[in-house]
Structures are given as C-alpha cells and as structure tokens.
Amino acid sequence: FCTPCLQECLKPKKPVCGVCRSTLSPGSRALDLEKQIETTETTCNGCNKKMYLSKMRSHAASCSKYQNYIMEGVKAVTKEPLHSTRSFPNRFTFPCPYCSEKNFDQEGLVEHCKALHSMDAKQVVCPICASMPWGDPNYRSANFMEHLQRRHRFSYDTFVDYDADEDDMMAQVLMRSLRDK
C-alpha cells in the first residue's frame, strides 16, 4: 500500500484492513505475516542470490546487478524521443472551450470554468482530453462541468509516461512473468 491509502484505512474510529475491510485493533501486529516474510525464500533477479523476503528490499538497494535488471526493463519499454517538437500536443496549458481565453493550466481551467461557466449547457470538446494520445479532438461532452470535476481532479502527467510504448510494456511484463519464479 502507498502511505496515503494506508492512512485512509486507519482514519476511521474503527480502523479497517486495506484488503478485507475487517476491523483492526490498534497496536496488534500481523505476526503470521511477519513470520511468513521472515521464512519465505526468494532469489534476486539480478545476481541470483537466495535470501529471505525480509532481506530483499535492502539487498535490492545495494545490488548493482538488480539495478541493471530494472534498467533493462525500463529501456525496453521507452521509445526514442521524437525530434520534431511540432508533433507534441501542448499538455501544459489549455484554452477555455466556452470563451476561448487561453493559457490555463489544468487546475486553472477547472477553476475558471467553475467560476464563469458553471451554468453553460453548451456541448464542448474537453481541451485536456483532446491533448492526450488517446483523446478524441472531436468528442463533445454532454456535461463538461461534471466531466471536468470527475476526470480532471489530478494531472495525468503525474501518472503517465508518454514515451513508454504500451504494447512493448505489456510484452515485457508477460516475458518477465514467465521468466521470474
């Protein structure tokens, strides 16, 4: 679990397990899980050294062969950068689809539309979606304000590597899953 998700599970007065949602009792440790981590053996994908799962994280941080193994996977799914900057859509600033005011970042566009266009029912193309590789520049949203609030509460740039080739990435994952034990 990432820290924010784990903290959400622990927020309620009766904290719950992030997997099964059963109630957690504060201060109790998952001894069975700790024992399993301490007694399960695995092999480093870099140097093939055998060790217990409990030692794997610290080993991976210092094993240069493991670091190379990871970098091979990253290189395999990263495309060569394109030289023509004109082929890149602008994913940093957007025009308002209602009044055509320009140079809003994603958050600014959401705030601008909430403040000035919340009652406008005109169907418009979302400039954020249209700039994405999977976006359709001709699709008109039936309820643009709802779309903005549901789809654009975060920036895609945080989660998407536009240079990674999805098909190559899936092929690498499948190959590695067959190779790894």
Protein backbone atom coordinates (compact mmCIF):
# COMPACT_ATOMS: atom_id res chain seq x y z
CA PHE A 1 0.00 0.00 0.00
CA CYS A 2 1.08 3.55 -0.55
CA THR A 3 1.11 5.72 2.57
CA PRO A 4 -1.96 7.86 1.66
CA CYS A 5 -4.12 4.76 1.03
CA LEU A 6 -2.95 3.11 4.23
CA GLN A 7 -3.64 6.29 6.19
CA GLU A 8 -7.20 6.35 4.79
CA CYS A 9 -7.76 2.84 6.19
CA LEU A 10 -6.51 3.95 9.59
CA LYS A 11 -8.53 7.21 9.75
CA PRO A 12 -11.90 5.94 10.98
CA LYS A 13 -12.54 5.50 14.69
CA LYS A 14 -12.51 1.77 13.95
CA PRO A 15 -9.58 1.30 11.50
CA VAL A 16 -10.05 -1.33 8.81
CA CYS A 17 -7.79 -3.67 6.85
CA GLY A 18 -6.97 -2.31 3.37
CA VAL A 19 -7.59 -5.73 1.80
CA CYS A 20 -10.59 -7.34 3.54
CA ARG A 21 -12.01 -4.32 5.42
CA SER A 22 -12.14 -6.21 8.72
CA THR A 23 -11.69 -4.12 11.86
CA LEU A 24 -8.11 -3.65 13.04
CA SER A 25 -7.18 -3.49 16.66
CA PRO A 26 -4.60 -0.77 17.35
CA GLY A 27 -1.13 -1.90 18.29
CA SER A 28 -1.61 -5.53 17.22
CA ARG A 29 0.98 -6.81 14.78
CA ALA A 30 0.37 -9.23 11.93
CA LEU A 31 2.64 -11.88 13.41
CA ASP A 32 1.63 -14.56 10.93
CA LEU A 33 2.54 -12.27 8.04
CA GLU A 34 5.81 -11.22 9.66
CA LYS A 35 6.71 -14.90 10.16
CA GLN A 36 5.87 -15.68 6.54
CA ILE A 37 8.10 -12.82 5.32
CA GLU A 38 10.94 -13.99 7.60
CA THR A 39 10.71 -17.63 6.44
CA THR A 40 9.93 -17.36 2.71
CA GLU A 41 12.95 -17.66 0.45
CA THR A 42 13.29 -15.87 -2.87
CA THR A 43 16.00 -15.24 -5.45
CA CYS A 44 17.36 -11.87 -6.56
CA ASN A 45 16.56 -11.33 -10.26
CA GLY A 46 19.91 -9.60 -10.71
CA CYS A 47 22.57 -11.74 -9.03
CA ASN A 48 20.50 -14.92 -8.38
CA LYS A 49 21.47 -14.88 -4.69
CA LYS A 50 18.95 -16.68 -2.45
CA MET A 51 17.63 -14.85 0.60
CA TYR A 52 14.55 -14.37 2.76
CA LEU A 53 11.90 -11.87 1.65
CA SER A 54 12.63 -9.79 4.74
CA LYS A 55 16.15 -9.08 3.39
CA MET A 56 15.17 -8.46 -0.24
CA ARG A 57 14.50 -4.71 -0.03
CA SER A 58 17.88 -3.85 1.47
CA HIS A 59 19.63 -6.26 -0.92
CA ALA A 60 17.90 -4.77 -3.98
CA ALA A 61 19.01 -1.29 -2.95
CA SER A 62 22.68 -2.32 -2.97
CA CYS A 63 22.78 -4.97 -5.73
CA SER A 64 24.15 -3.41 -8.93
CA LYS A 65 23.03 -6.43 -10.99
CA TYR A 66 19.47 -5.96 -9.74
CA GLN A 67 19.64 -2.26 -10.66
CA ASN A 68 20.77 -3.26 -14.18
CA TYR A 69 17.91 -5.76 -14.37
CA ILE A 70 15.41 -2.99 -13.56
CA MET A 71 17.00 -0.57 -16.06
CA GLU A 72 16.82 -3.19 -18.83
CA GLY A 73 13.06 -3.34 -18.31
CA VAL A 74 12.75 0.45 -18.32
CA LYS A 75 14.82 0.78 -21.52
CA ALA A 76 12.79 -1.94 -23.22
CA VAL A 77 9.55 -0.01 -22.88
CA THR A 78 10.79 3.54 -23.51
CA LYS A 79 10.57 4.95 -27.03
CA GLU A 80 13.28 7.06 -28.55
CA PRO A 81 12.30 10.74 -28.16
CA LEU A 82 10.87 12.28 -31.29
CA HIS A 83 12.92 15.10 -32.76
CA SER A 84 10.08 17.21 -34.11
CA THR A 85 8.56 19.22 -31.29
CA ARG A 86 5.64 20.19 -33.53
CA SER A 87 4.22 16.66 -33.27
CA PHE A 88 3.76 17.04 -29.49
CA PRO A 89 0.43 18.42 -28.34
CA ASN A 90 0.56 21.04 -25.61
CA ARG A 91 -0.39 19.25 -22.40
CA PHE A 92 0.52 22.13 -20.09
CA THR A 93 -1.83 24.98 -20.99
CA PHE A 94 -5.35 24.89 -22.35
CA PRO A 95 -7.92 27.31 -23.77
CA CYS A 96 -11.36 27.60 -22.22
CA PRO A 97 -13.76 25.78 -24.57
CA TYR A 98 -16.52 28.29 -23.77
CA CYS A 99 -14.89 31.73 -24.06
CA SER A 100 -11.54 30.78 -25.71
CA GLU A 101 -9.48 32.52 -23.02
CA LYS A 102 -6.03 30.93 -23.26
CA ASN A 103 -3.11 29.67 -21.16
CA PHE A 104 -4.88 27.90 -18.29
CA ASP A 105 -3.09 25.06 -16.59
CA GLN A 106 -5.37 22.14 -15.80
CA GLU A 107 -6.29 23.36 -12.32
CA GLY A 108 -6.77 26.91 -13.59
CA LEU A 109 -9.12 25.72 -16.34
CA VAL A 110 -11.23 23.82 -13.82
CA GLU A 111 -11.43 26.88 -11.52
CA HIS A 112 -12.16 29.27 -14.42
CA CYS A 113 -14.99 27.09 -15.74
CA LYS A 114 -16.47 26.61 -12.24
CA ALA A 115 -16.46 30.36 -11.66
CA LEU A 116 -17.66 31.62 -15.06
CA HIS A 117 -19.31 28.79 -16.94
CA SER A 118 -20.99 26.52 -14.38
CA MET A 119 -24.44 27.18 -15.88
CA ASP A 120 -23.41 26.95 -19.56
CA ALA A 121 -25.06 23.88 -21.12
CA LYS A 122 -23.31 24.13 -24.50
CA GLN A 123 -21.61 20.87 -25.50
CA VAL A 124 -17.87 21.45 -25.89
CA VAL A 125 -14.68 19.48 -26.54
CA CYS A 126 -12.51 19.00 -23.46
CA PRO A 127 -9.14 20.55 -24.36
CA ILE A 128 -7.37 18.44 -21.73
CA CYS A 129 -8.67 15.14 -23.12
CA ALA A 130 -8.12 16.28 -26.71
CA SER A 131 -4.39 16.79 -25.94
CA MET A 132 -3.94 13.21 -24.70
CA PRO A 133 -2.64 10.45 -27.03
CA TRP A 134 -5.94 8.59 -26.58
CA GLY A 135 -8.09 11.74 -26.75
CA ASP A 136 -10.64 12.45 -29.47
CA PRO A 137 -10.42 16.12 -30.53
CA ASN A 138 -13.97 15.92 -31.93
CA TYR A 139 -15.77 14.40 -28.92
CA ARG A 140 -18.21 16.86 -27.33
CA SER A 141 -19.00 16.23 -23.69
CA ALA A 142 -22.71 16.28 -22.79
CA ASN A 143 -21.92 17.76 -19.36
CA PHE A 144 -18.50 19.39 -19.49
CA MET A 145 -18.57 20.72 -15.92
CA GLU A 146 -19.26 17.26 -14.46
CA HIS A 147 -16.62 15.81 -16.78
CA LEU A 148 -14.03 18.32 -15.52
CA GLN A 149 -14.77 17.57 -11.89
CA ARG A 150 -14.73 13.79 -12.35
CA ARG A 151 -11.90 13.29 -14.84
CA HIS A 152 -9.52 16.15 -14.16
CA ARG A 153 -9.09 16.30 -10.39
CA PHE A 154 -5.43 15.32 -10.89
CA SER A 155 -2.84 15.78 -13.60
CA TYR A 156 -2.25 12.84 -15.95
CA ASP A 157 1.42 13.84 -16.17
CA THR A 158 1.84 12.51 -12.63
CA PHE A 159 0.81 9.00 -13.68
CA VAL A 160 1.55 8.68 -17.41
CA ASP A 161 4.85 8.24 -19.22
CA TYR A 162 4.04 9.47 -22.73
CA ASP A 163 7.29 8.00 -24.08
CA ALA A 164 6.52 4.43 -22.96
CA ASP A 165 5.08 2.16 -25.62
CA GLU A 166 2.16 0.33 -24.04
CA ASP A 167 2.36 -2.75 -26.29
CA ASP A 168 6.09 -3.14 -25.62
CA MET A 169 5.48 -2.66 -21.90
CA MET A 170 2.85 -5.43 -21.83
CA ALA A 171 5.11 -7.77 -23.82
CA GLN A 172 7.97 -7.13 -21.37
CA VAL A 173 5.71 -7.76 -18.37
CA LEU A 174 4.48 -11.05 -19.88
CA MET A 175 8.02 -12.18 -20.75
CA ARG A 176 9.28 -11.33 -17.25
CA SER A 177 6.33 -13.02 -15.56
CA LEU A 178 7.14 -16.25 -17.40
CA ARG A 179 10.86 -15.94 -16.62
CA ASP A 180 10.58 -14.92 -12.94
CA LYS A 181 9.74 -17.53 -10.33
